[in-house]
Amino acid sequence: MGIREFLSDVPIVGELLDMAEIADGVAEMAAGAAAEGYAALREKMEWVEVADGMDTRTAMLAEASEVPPVLGDDGEIAAGLWTDPYTGFSSSDPGDFEIDHRVPFKAVADAVPGFADLPLDEQLAHYNDPDNLQVLHDGHNASKGDALPGDYAERIDDSSIRARFLNDCSRYMGKLGIQL
């Protein structure tokens, strides 16, 4: 007989153990509901038109290109030159790069009070805020995932780049009045 079984025979301890199991179950259900809620929220997010018929992604790529970008017939960027600021990876193919949220969008959605209840245009404004966006190599962005700024900064070897990243994140969080 294990200690749990032994203690569960004591009436008050047994009741406390039952309550703890119920609380664990409720916490698991709440975490599942929060994950489902975020997934539904994330599905609504998209790059919006910001200037000259360009959406946020296209405008970010155009601005970050080290040479004048070439637009295709579809209005999307067909070529340019980009360098990931953290890995040094460089390419002329815009498909090699993604637009990354420095402070993960999920963290923003969790930290801004009532975010899920904001009108869609306000949620999209947060999602598309250039103060929180950067152009990264797609493989690097995937490895960064939803790491919080402090956790991700530990992976940046160059101290000046790490300091710039943390400063950008801090400025953005200050703008929103949030802490992570």
C-alpha atoms as a PDB file:
ATOM      1  CA  MET A   1       0.000   0.000   0.000  1.00  0.00           C
ATOM      2  CA  GLY A   2       1.399   3.361  -1.011  1.00  0.00           C
ATOM      3  CA  ILE A   3       1.357   6.488   1.093  1.00  0.00           C
ATOM      4  CA  ARG A   4      -1.458   7.968  -1.008  1.00  0.00           C
ATOM      5  CA  GLU A   5      -3.708   4.965  -0.436  1.00  0.00           C
ATOM      6  CA  PHE A   6      -2.827   4.929   3.265  1.00  0.00           C
ATOM      7  CA  LEU A   7      -3.573   8.637   3.720  1.00  0.00           C
ATOM      8  CA  SER A   8      -6.742   8.518   1.620  1.00  0.00           C
ATOM      9  CA  ASP A   9      -8.306   6.331   4.331  1.00  0.00           C
ATOM     10  CA  VAL A  10      -8.084   9.287   6.740  1.00  0.00           C
ATOM     11  CA  PRO A  11     -11.420  11.109   6.069  1.00  0.00           C
ATOM     12  CA  ILE A  12     -10.200  14.711   5.826  1.00  0.00           C
ATOM     13  CA  VAL A  13      -7.065  13.750   3.891  1.00  0.00           C
ATOM     14  CA  GLY A  14      -9.144  11.644   1.515  1.00  0.00           C
ATOM     15  CA  GLU A  15     -11.442  14.615   0.872  1.00  0.00           C
ATOM     16  CA  LEU A  16      -8.443  16.906   0.269  1.00  0.00           C
ATOM     17  CA  LEU A  17      -6.939  14.403  -2.169  1.00  0.00           C
ATOM     18  CA  ASP A  18     -10.264  14.199  -4.026  1.00  0.00           C
ATOM     19  CA  MET A  19     -10.422  18.002  -4.192  1.00  0.00           C
ATOM     20  CA  ALA A  20      -6.854  18.150  -5.509  1.00  0.00           C
ATOM     21  CA  GLU A  21      -7.742  15.656  -8.270  1.00  0.00           C
ATOM     22  CA  ILE A  22     -10.784  17.748  -9.198  1.00  0.00           C
ATOM     23  CA  ALA A  23      -8.658  20.933  -9.241  1.00  0.00           C
ATOM     24  CA  ASP A  24      -6.091  19.210 -11.477  1.00  0.00           C
ATOM     25  CA  GLY A  25      -8.871  18.173 -13.843  1.00  0.00           C
ATOM     26  CA  VAL A  26     -10.297  21.692 -13.962  1.00  0.00           C
ATOM     27  CA  ALA A  27      -6.817  23.130 -14.616  1.00  0.00           C
ATOM     28  CA  GLU A  28      -6.289  20.670 -17.489  1.00  0.00           C
ATOM     29  CA  MET A  29      -9.681  21.588 -18.962  1.00  0.00           C
ATOM     30  CA  ALA A  30      -8.928  25.317 -18.632  1.00  0.00           C
ATOM     31  CA  ALA A  31      -5.540  24.889 -20.312  1.00  0.00           C
ATOM     32  CA  GLY A  32      -7.202  22.971 -23.145  1.00  0.00           C
ATOM     33  CA  ALA A  33      -9.880  25.636 -23.532  1.00  0.00           C
ATOM     34  CA  ALA A  34      -7.232  28.388 -23.533  1.00  0.00           C
ATOM     35  CA  ALA A  35      -5.277  26.554 -26.233  1.00  0.00           C
ATOM     36  CA  GLU A  36      -8.445  26.135 -28.301  1.00  0.00           C
ATOM     37  CA  GLY A  37      -9.297  29.814 -27.718  1.00  0.00           C
ATOM     38  CA  TYR A  38      -5.871  30.924 -28.909  1.00  0.00           C
ATOM     39  CA  ALA A  39      -6.060  28.640 -31.953  1.00  0.00           C
ATOM     40  CA  ALA A  40      -9.394  30.216 -32.910  1.00  0.00           C
ATOM     41  CA  LEU A  41      -7.969  33.702 -32.367  1.00  0.00           C
ATOM     42  CA  ARG A  42      -4.851  32.887 -34.391  1.00  0.00           C
ATOM     43  CA  GLU A  43      -7.016  31.669 -37.289  1.00  0.00           C
ATOM     44  CA  LYS A  44      -8.527  35.162 -37.569  1.00  0.00           C
ATOM     45  CA  MET A  45      -5.156  36.893 -37.786  1.00  0.00           C
ATOM     46  CA  GLU A  46      -3.816  37.966 -41.167  1.00  0.00           C
ATOM     47  CA  TRP A  47      -1.514  40.522 -42.703  1.00  0.00           C
ATOM     48  CA  VAL A  48      -3.532  43.643 -43.483  1.00  0.00           C
ATOM     49  CA  GLU A  49      -3.045  46.270 -46.162  1.00  0.00           C
ATOM     50  CA  VAL A  50      -0.760  48.964 -44.824  1.00  0.00           C
ATOM     51  CA  ALA A  51       0.476  51.086 -47.749  1.00  0.00           C
ATOM     52  CA  ASP A  52       0.396  51.297 -51.534  1.00  0.00           C
ATOM     53  CA  GLY A  53      -1.660  48.120 -51.768  1.00  0.00           C
ATOM     54  CA  MET A  54       0.987  46.181 -49.817  1.00  0.00           C
ATOM     55  CA  ASP A  55       0.105  43.968 -46.886  1.00  0.00           C
ATOM     56  CA  THR A  56       2.209  43.968 -43.735  1.00  0.00           C
ATOM     57  CA  ARG A  57       4.441  41.096 -44.873  1.00  0.00           C
ATOM     58  CA  THR A  58       5.175  42.664 -48.251  1.00  0.00           C
ATOM     59  CA  ALA A  59       5.843  46.089 -46.715  1.00  0.00           C
ATOM     60  CA  MET A  60       8.180  44.592 -44.099  1.00  0.00           C
ATOM     61  CA  LEU A  61      10.113  42.695 -46.764  1.00  0.00           C
ATOM     62  CA  ALA A  62      10.329  45.809 -48.953  1.00  0.00           C
ATOM     63  CA  GLU A  63      11.640  47.898 -46.065  1.00  0.00           C
ATOM     64  CA  ALA A  64      14.150  45.287 -44.896  1.00  0.00           C
ATOM     65  CA  SER A  65      15.597  44.515 -48.325  1.00  0.00           C
ATOM     66  CA  GLU A  66      19.210  45.618 -48.645  1.00  0.00           C
ATOM     67  CA  VAL A  67      18.634  46.394 -52.349  1.00  0.00           C
ATOM     68  CA  PRO A  68      15.565  47.806 -54.071  1.00  0.00           C
ATOM     69  CA  PRO A  69      13.025  44.947 -54.080  1.00  0.00           C
ATOM     70  CA  VAL A  70      11.593  43.625 -57.341  1.00  0.00           C
ATOM     71  CA  LEU A  71       7.802  43.321 -57.462  1.00  0.00           C
ATOM     72  CA  GLY A  72       6.168  40.540 -59.429  1.00  0.00           C
ATOM     73  CA  ASP A  73       3.086  40.935 -61.603  1.00  0.00           C
ATOM     74  CA  ASP A  74       0.969  39.927 -58.617  1.00  0.00           C
ATOM     75  CA  GLY A  75       2.270  42.860 -56.549  1.00  0.00           C
ATOM     76  CA  GLU A  76       4.201  40.544 -54.262  1.00  0.00           C
ATOM     77  CA  ILE A  77       7.941  40.872 -53.812  1.00  0.00           C
ATOM     78  CA  ALA A  78       9.741  38.558 -56.233  1.00  0.00           C
ATOM     79  CA  ALA A  79      13.330  39.354 -55.272  1.00  0.00           C
ATOM     80  CA  GLY A  80      15.481  41.508 -53.037  1.00  0.00           C
ATOM     81  CA  LEU A  81      18.260  40.816 -50.572  1.00  0.00           C
ATOM     82  CA  TRP A  82      17.665  39.995 -46.936  1.00  0.00           C
ATOM     83  CA  THR A  83      19.932  38.942 -44.104  1.00  0.00           C
ATOM     84  CA  ASP A  84      18.701  37.360 -40.894  1.00  0.00           C
ATOM     85  CA  PRO A  85      20.062  39.628 -38.125  1.00  0.00           C
ATOM     86  CA  TYR A  86      20.722  36.706 -35.791  1.00  0.00           C
ATOM     87  CA  THR A  87      22.078  33.954 -38.032  1.00  0.00           C
ATOM     88  CA  GLY A  88      23.597  35.991 -40.854  1.00  0.00           C
ATOM     89  CA  PHE A  89      21.723  33.858 -43.402  1.00  0.00           C
ATOM     90  CA  SER A  90      21.340  35.880 -46.596  1.00  0.00           C
ATOM     91  CA  SER A  91      19.184  35.255 -49.664  1.00  0.00           C
ATOM     92  CA  SER A  92      17.517  37.026 -52.568  1.00  0.00           C
ATOM     93  CA  ASP A  93      14.454  34.748 -52.328  1.00  0.00           C
ATOM     94  CA  PRO A  94      11.652  36.295 -50.245  1.00  0.00           C
ATOM     95  CA  GLY A  95      10.295  32.778 -49.674  1.00  0.00           C
ATOM     96  CA  ASP A  96      13.296  32.132 -47.429  1.00  0.00           C
ATOM     97  CA  PHE A  97      12.046  34.703 -44.933  1.00  0.00           C
ATOM     98  CA  GLU A  98       9.106  35.125 -42.600  1.00  0.00           C
ATOM     99  CA  ILE A  99       7.767  38.003 -40.580  1.00  0.00           C
ATOM    100  CA  ASP A 100       8.300  37.246 -36.916  1.00  0.00           C
ATOM    101  CA  HIS A 101       6.710  38.734 -33.806  1.00  0.00           C
ATOM    102  CA  ARG A 102       9.607  39.624 -31.476  1.00  0.00           C
ATOM    103  CA  VAL A 103       7.241  39.269 -28.535  1.00  0.00           C
ATOM    104  CA  PRO A 104       5.209  36.192 -29.496  1.00  0.00           C
ATOM    105  CA  PHE A 105       1.667  37.053 -30.520  1.00  0.00           C
ATOM    106  CA  LYS A 106       0.303  34.494 -28.048  1.00  0.00           C
ATOM    107  CA  ALA A 107       2.137  36.268 -25.212  1.00  0.00           C
ATOM    108  CA  VAL A 108       0.696  39.616 -26.355  1.00  0.00           C
ATOM    109  CA  ALA A 109      -2.812  38.143 -26.571  1.00  0.00           C
ATOM    110  CA  ASP A 110      -2.416  36.661 -23.076  1.00  0.00           C
ATOM    111  CA  ALA A 111      -0.931  39.831 -21.541  1.00  0.00           C
ATOM    112  CA  VAL A 112      -3.292  42.463 -22.945  1.00  0.00           C
ATOM    113  CA  PRO A 113      -6.368  42.492 -20.688  1.00  0.00           C
ATOM    114  CA  GLY A 114      -9.518  41.461 -22.563  1.00  0.00           C
ATOM    115  CA  PHE A 115      -7.643  40.844 -25.820  1.00  0.00           C
ATOM    116  CA  ALA A 116     -10.070  38.140 -26.958  1.00  0.00           C
ATOM    117  CA  ASP A 117     -12.949  40.595 -26.540  1.00  0.00           C
ATOM    118  CA  LEU A 118     -11.350  43.426 -28.530  1.00  0.00           C
ATOM    119  CA  PRO A 119     -12.889  44.206 -31.920  1.00  0.00           C
ATOM    120  CA  LEU A 120     -11.167  42.298 -34.734  1.00  0.00           C
ATOM    121  CA  ASP A 121      -9.615  45.465 -36.192  1.00  0.00           C
ATOM    122  CA  GLU A 122      -7.884  46.180 -32.848  1.00  0.00           C
ATOM    123  CA  GLN A 123      -6.635  42.590 -32.600  1.00  0.00           C
ATOM    124  CA  LEU A 124      -5.318  42.849 -36.166  1.00  0.00           C
ATOM    125  CA  ALA A 125      -3.619  46.140 -35.307  1.00  0.00           C
ATOM    126  CA  HIS A 126      -1.677  44.324 -32.563  1.00  0.00           C
ATOM    127  CA  TYR A 127      -0.878  41.423 -34.901  1.00  0.00           C
ATOM    128  CA  ASN A 128       0.382  43.778 -37.632  1.00  0.00           C
ATOM    129  CA  ASP A 129       2.199  46.289 -35.406  1.00  0.00           C
ATOM    130  CA  PRO A 130       5.583  46.921 -37.081  1.00  0.00           C
ATOM    131  CA  ASP A 131       7.090  47.792 -33.692  1.00  0.00           C
ATOM    132  CA  ASN A 132       6.875  44.082 -32.860  1.00  0.00           C
ATOM    133  CA  LEU A 133       7.790  42.637 -36.254  1.00  0.00           C
ATOM    134  CA  GLN A 134      11.070  41.618 -37.822  1.00  0.00           C
ATOM    135  CA  VAL A 135      12.198  39.743 -40.929  1.00  0.00           C
ATOM    136  CA  LEU A 136      13.830  36.399 -40.098  1.00  0.00           C
ATOM    137  CA  HIS A 137      15.015  33.385 -42.044  1.00  0.00           C
ATOM    138  CA  ASP A 138      12.082  30.962 -42.077  1.00  0.00           C
ATOM    139  CA  GLY A 139      14.062  28.136 -40.439  1.00  0.00           C
ATOM    140  CA  HIS A 140      15.253  30.473 -37.713  1.00  0.00           C
ATOM    141  CA  ASN A 141      11.725  31.743 -37.098  1.00  0.00           C
ATOM    142  CA  ALA A 142      10.473  28.155 -36.750  1.00  0.00           C
ATOM    143  CA  SER A 143      13.187  27.360 -34.201  1.00  0.00           C
ATOM    144  CA  LYS A 144      12.392  30.559 -32.252  1.00  0.00           C
ATOM    145  CA  GLY A 145       8.755  29.530 -31.975  1.00  0.00           C
ATOM    146  CA  ASP A 146       6.841  31.136 -29.117  1.00  0.00           C
ATOM    147  CA  ALA A 147       9.913  31.649 -26.916  1.00  0.00           C
ATOM    148  CA  LEU A 148       9.512  34.652 -24.654  1.00  0.00           C
ATOM    149  CA  PRO A 149      12.043  37.445 -25.229  1.00  0.00           C
ATOM    150  CA  GLY A 150      14.176  36.653 -22.181  1.00  0.00           C
ATOM    151  CA  ASP A 151      14.343  32.964 -23.069  1.00  0.00           C
ATOM    152  CA  TYR A 152      15.081  33.610 -26.713  1.00  0.00           C
ATOM    153  CA  ALA A 153      17.708  36.289 -25.983  1.00  0.00           C
ATOM    154  CA  GLU A 154      19.828  33.654 -24.244  1.00  0.00           C
ATOM    155  CA  ARG A 155      20.302  32.018 -27.672  1.00  0.00           C
ATOM    156  CA  ILE A 156      21.686  35.195 -29.292  1.00  0.00           C
ATOM    157  CA  ASP A 157      25.484  35.031 -29.088  1.00  0.00           C
ATOM    158  CA  ASP A 158      26.293  38.580 -30.198  1.00  0.00           C
ATOM    159  CA  SER A 159      25.824  40.824 -27.156  1.00  0.00           C
ATOM    160  CA  SER A 160      25.012  43.962 -29.187  1.00  0.00           C
ATOM    161  CA  ILE A 161      22.359  42.115 -31.217  1.00  0.00           C
ATOM    162  CA  ARG A 162      20.967  40.564 -28.024  1.00  0.00           C
ATOM    163  CA  ALA A 163      20.798  44.008 -26.388  1.00  0.00           C
ATOM    164  CA  ARG A 164      19.042  45.500 -29.440  1.00  0.00           C
ATOM    165  CA  PHE A 165      16.524  42.622 -29.469  1.00  0.00           C
ATOM    166  CA  LEU A 166      15.759  43.003 -25.761  1.00  0.00           C
ATOM    167  CA  ASN A 167      15.519  46.802 -26.103  1.00  0.00           C
ATOM    168  CA  ASP A 168      13.073  46.443 -29.021  1.00  0.00           C
ATOM    169  CA  CYS A 169      10.975  43.986 -27.012  1.00  0.00           C
ATOM    170  CA  SER A 170      11.053  46.166 -23.907  1.00  0.00           C
ATOM    171  CA  ARG A 171      10.025  49.250 -25.886  1.00  0.00           C
ATOM    172  CA  TYR A 172       7.125  47.333 -27.464  1.00  0.00           C
ATOM    173  CA  MET A 173       5.926  45.920 -24.143  1.00  0.00           C
ATOM    174  CA  GLY A 174       6.164  49.400 -22.609  1.00  0.00           C
ATOM    175  CA  LYS A 175       4.064  50.762 -25.466  1.00  0.00           C
ATOM    176  CA  LEU A 176       1.368  48.209 -24.595  1.00  0.00           C
ATOM    177  CA  GLY A 177       1.833  48.589 -20.852  1.00  0.00           C
ATOM    178  CA  ILE A 178       2.438  44.853 -20.397  1.00  0.00           C
ATOM    179  CA  GLN A 179       4.994  42.719 -18.609  1.00  0.00           C
ATOM    180  CA  LEU A 180       5.776  39.084 -19.300  1.00  0.00           C
END
